[in-house]
Amino acid sequence: QVQVVESGGGLVQPGGSLRLSCVVSGITFSVYAMTWYRQAPGKQRELVAGITTGGSTNYADSVKGRFTISRDNAKNTVTLQMSSLKPEDTAVYYCNAGAVPLVAGRYWGQGTQVTVSS
């Protein structure tokens, strides 16, 4: 049984930081590209950041320079370090495991809420 579990969301003030984690079990984590998506109320889900099996990274223009994605294959974990947060970063953040980089795969987490507000 595949499990994708996100954690680390919460309420943070503008300019603050949060660190999201995603732990995956039930699949061979190291062979999957990992991607963070987010969905704000009333908006479509959008790609935030992705990391390939080899460690290459990609970011949405809106988060470049502020967010960093990383993976630890020994711990089956992908992390999204978010800094200089803005109110427009408010969304539910989802972790995804897939076979093709930057293409949504079949394995999704339940999401973690990030709220940026003063």
Protein backbone atom coordinates (compact mmCIF):
# COMPACT_ATOMS: atom_id res chain seq x y z
CA GLN A 1 0.00 0.00 0.00
CA VAL A 2 1.42 3.33 -1.09
CA GLN A 3 1.33 6.19 1.39
CA VAL A 4 2.29 9.80 0.74
CA VAL A 5 2.13 11.92 3.86
CA GLU A 6 2.80 15.65 3.99
CA SER A 7 3.47 17.64 7.12
CA GLY A 8 4.76 21.02 8.22
CA GLY A 9 2.01 23.37 7.12
CA GLY A 10 0.60 26.08 9.32
CA LEU A 11 0.01 29.79 9.80
CA VAL A 12 2.93 32.12 9.21
CA GLN A 13 3.32 35.87 8.86
CA PRO A 14 4.37 37.46 5.58
CA GLY A 15 8.13 37.23 5.22
CA GLY A 16 8.30 34.14 7.37
CA SER A 17 9.44 30.61 6.61
CA LEU A 18 8.03 27.11 6.69
CA ARG A 19 9.45 23.70 5.93
CA LEU A 20 7.18 21.09 4.38
CA SER A 21 8.04 17.42 4.45
CA CYS A 22 6.64 14.48 2.52
CA VAL A 23 7.33 10.90 3.50
CA VAL A 24 6.58 8.16 1.00
CA SER A 25 6.20 4.46 1.66
CA GLY A 26 5.17 1.45 -0.37
CA ILE A 27 7.15 2.33 -3.50
CA THR A 28 10.81 2.49 -4.44
CA PHE A 29 11.16 6.16 -3.65
CA SER A 30 14.49 6.68 -5.40
CA VAL A 31 13.11 5.90 -8.87
CA TYR A 32 10.30 8.45 -8.67
CA ALA A 33 10.37 12.10 -9.58
CA MET A 34 8.87 14.13 -6.77
CA THR A 35 6.84 17.27 -7.19
CA TRP A 36 5.10 19.75 -4.93
CA TYR A 37 1.84 21.26 -6.14
CA ARG A 38 -0.47 23.74 -4.50
CA GLN A 39 -4.08 24.76 -4.82
CA ALA A 40 -5.49 28.01 -3.56
CA PRO A 41 -9.21 28.52 -2.98
CA GLY A 42 -11.02 29.02 -6.27
CA LYS A 43 -7.90 28.32 -8.32
CA GLN A 44 -6.53 25.38 -10.24
CA ARG A 45 -3.80 23.22 -8.82
CA GLU A 46 -0.38 24.47 -9.92
CA LEU A 47 3.12 23.05 -9.93
CA VAL A 48 5.41 24.62 -7.36
CA ALA A 49 8.67 22.68 -7.53
CA GLY A 50 9.96 19.37 -8.76
CA ILE A 51 13.04 17.22 -8.28
CA THR A 52 14.18 14.39 -10.51
CA THR A 53 15.66 11.08 -9.45
CA GLY A 54 19.06 12.57 -10.17
CA GLY A 55 18.45 15.64 -8.05
CA SER A 56 17.77 18.21 -10.78
CA THR A 57 15.26 20.82 -9.68
CA ASN A 58 12.65 23.02 -11.31
CA TYR A 59 10.57 25.82 -9.85
CA ALA A 60 7.56 27.89 -10.78
CA ASP A 61 8.60 31.45 -11.58
CA SER A 62 6.52 32.69 -8.67
CA VAL A 63 8.66 30.83 -6.11
CA LYS A 64 12.14 30.93 -7.65
CA GLY A 65 14.69 32.22 -5.20
CA ARG A 66 12.34 31.72 -2.25
CA PHE A 67 11.60 27.97 -2.21
CA THR A 68 14.03 25.06 -2.25
CA ILE A 69 13.12 21.45 -2.94
CA SER A 70 15.34 18.60 -1.83
CA ARG A 71 15.13 14.85 -1.38
CA ASP A 72 16.66 12.25 0.91
CA ASN A 73 16.39 8.84 -0.68
CA ALA A 74 17.62 7.12 2.47
CA LYS A 75 14.64 8.52 4.36
CA ASN A 76 12.10 8.38 1.49
CA THR A 77 11.51 12.07 2.06
CA VAL A 78 11.14 15.17 -0.07
CA THR A 79 11.26 18.59 1.54
CA LEU A 80 10.13 22.03 0.47
CA GLN A 81 11.85 24.85 2.30
CA MET A 82 9.82 28.03 1.88
CA SER A 83 11.07 31.47 2.82
CA SER A 84 10.03 35.07 2.25
CA LEU A 85 6.47 33.84 2.22
CA LYS A 86 3.75 36.01 0.73
CA PRO A 87 -0.01 35.99 1.22
CA GLU A 88 -0.36 34.66 -2.32
CA ASP A 89 1.51 31.51 -1.24
CA THR A 90 -1.53 30.57 0.82
CA ALA A 91 -2.79 27.22 -0.45
CA VAL A 92 -3.04 23.54 0.24
CA TYR A 93 0.29 22.01 -0.71
CA TYR A 94 0.37 18.50 -2.16
CA CYS A 95 3.22 16.07 -2.65
CA ASN A 96 3.24 13.89 -5.75
CA ALA A 97 5.32 10.93 -6.89
CA GLY A 98 5.50 10.17 -10.58
CA ALA A 99 7.48 8.46 -13.29
CA VAL A 100 8.01 11.58 -15.40
CA PRO A 101 9.52 14.79 -14.03
CA LEU A 102 7.07 17.68 -13.79
CA VAL A 103 4.15 15.48 -14.86
CA ALA A 104 1.67 14.59 -12.15
CA GLY A 105 2.00 10.94 -11.25
CA ARG A 106 -0.47 8.57 -9.68
CA TYR A 107 0.55 8.97 -6.06
CA TRP A 108 -0.74 11.95 -4.11
CA GLY A 109 -0.71 12.98 -0.50
CA GLN A 110 -3.67 14.40 1.34
CA GLY A 111 -2.23 17.91 1.38
CA THR A 112 -1.10 20.32 4.08
CA GLN A 113 -2.49 23.81 4.54
CA VAL A 114 -0.16 26.79 4.38
CA THR A 115 -1.63 30.14 5.37
CA VAL A 116 0.39 33.34 5.09
CA SER A 117 -1.31 36.15 6.94
CA SER A 118 -0.63 38.87 9.46
